[in-house]
Protein backbone atom coordinates (compact mmCIF):
# COMPACT_ATOMS: atom_id res chain seq x y z
CA MET A 1 146.91 -58.51 69.81
CA LYS A 2 146.56 -54.75 69.78
CA LEU A 3 145.22 -54.02 66.33
CA PHE A 4 145.94 -50.29 66.32
CA SER A 5 149.33 -50.34 68.00
CA LYS A 6 152.30 -48.81 66.20
CA LYS A 7 153.92 -52.20 65.54
CA SER A 8 150.79 -53.79 64.09
CA ILE A 9 150.13 -50.82 61.80
CA ILE A 10 153.70 -50.99 60.47
CA PHE A 11 153.49 -54.78 60.10
CA TYR A 12 150.24 -54.70 58.13
CA SER A 13 151.46 -51.81 55.98
CA VAL A 14 154.61 -53.71 55.00
CA LEU A 15 152.64 -56.93 54.48
CA GLY A 16 150.10 -55.10 52.32
CA ALA A 17 152.84 -53.53 50.22
CA ILE A 18 154.52 -56.90 49.65
CA VAL A 19 151.24 -58.51 48.70
CA GLY A 20 150.11 -55.61 46.53
CA PHE A 21 153.29 -55.13 44.56
CA MET A 22 154.84 -58.61 44.41
CA ILE A 23 152.42 -61.44 45.02
CA ILE A 24 149.17 -60.26 43.41
CA PRO A 25 150.71 -59.39 40.01
CA TRP A 26 152.48 -62.76 39.98
CA ILE A 27 149.22 -64.60 40.74
CA ARG A 28 147.37 -62.59 38.05
CA SER A 29 150.05 -63.42 35.49
CA LEU A 30 149.40 -67.12 36.07
CA LEU A 31 145.66 -66.76 35.54
CA ASP A 32 143.82 -66.15 32.30
CA TYR A 33 140.28 -65.83 33.63
CA SER A 34 137.72 -63.04 33.86
CA ALA A 35 138.34 -60.25 36.39
CA ILE A 36 135.72 -61.58 38.83
CA VAL A 37 137.20 -65.08 38.88
CA GLU A 38 140.70 -63.63 39.32
CA ILE A 39 139.54 -61.55 42.31
CA LEU A 40 137.91 -64.59 43.93
CA ILE A 41 140.96 -66.81 43.45
CA THR A 42 143.39 -64.11 44.59
CA THR A 43 141.27 -63.43 47.68
CA ALA A 44 141.24 -67.12 48.50
CA ILE A 45 145.06 -67.02 48.58
CA ILE A 46 145.66 -63.64 50.23
CA ILE A 47 143.29 -63.90 53.21
CA PRO A 48 144.71 -67.24 54.47
CA MET A 49 148.22 -65.83 53.96
CA TYR A 50 147.39 -62.93 56.28
CA ALA A 51 146.05 -65.36 58.89
CA VAL A 52 149.16 -67.55 58.76
CA LEU A 53 151.58 -64.61 58.88
CA THR A 54 149.69 -63.04 61.79
CA ARG A 55 150.06 -66.25 63.79
CA LEU A 56 153.75 -66.51 62.90
CA MET A 57 154.41 -62.88 63.83
CA LYS A 58 152.37 -62.95 67.05
CA ASN A 59 155.47 -62.35 69.18
CA PHE A 60 156.37 -59.29 67.11
CA LEU A 61 152.89 -57.78 67.46
CA ASN A 62 152.67 -58.21 71.24
């Protein structure tokens, strides 16, 4: 995988926008914890999601 290729930069930008504007606010609305606990839980969901989507989109990135 070429990390700094044009396709991978576009892919991660779109993925980051989707996560930042749609998924994270939804996750935070479900939680009623302190900010530190929310960050830890959200990170535990977002990082594996990136790994799974990268594997699924491997053909697109190559």
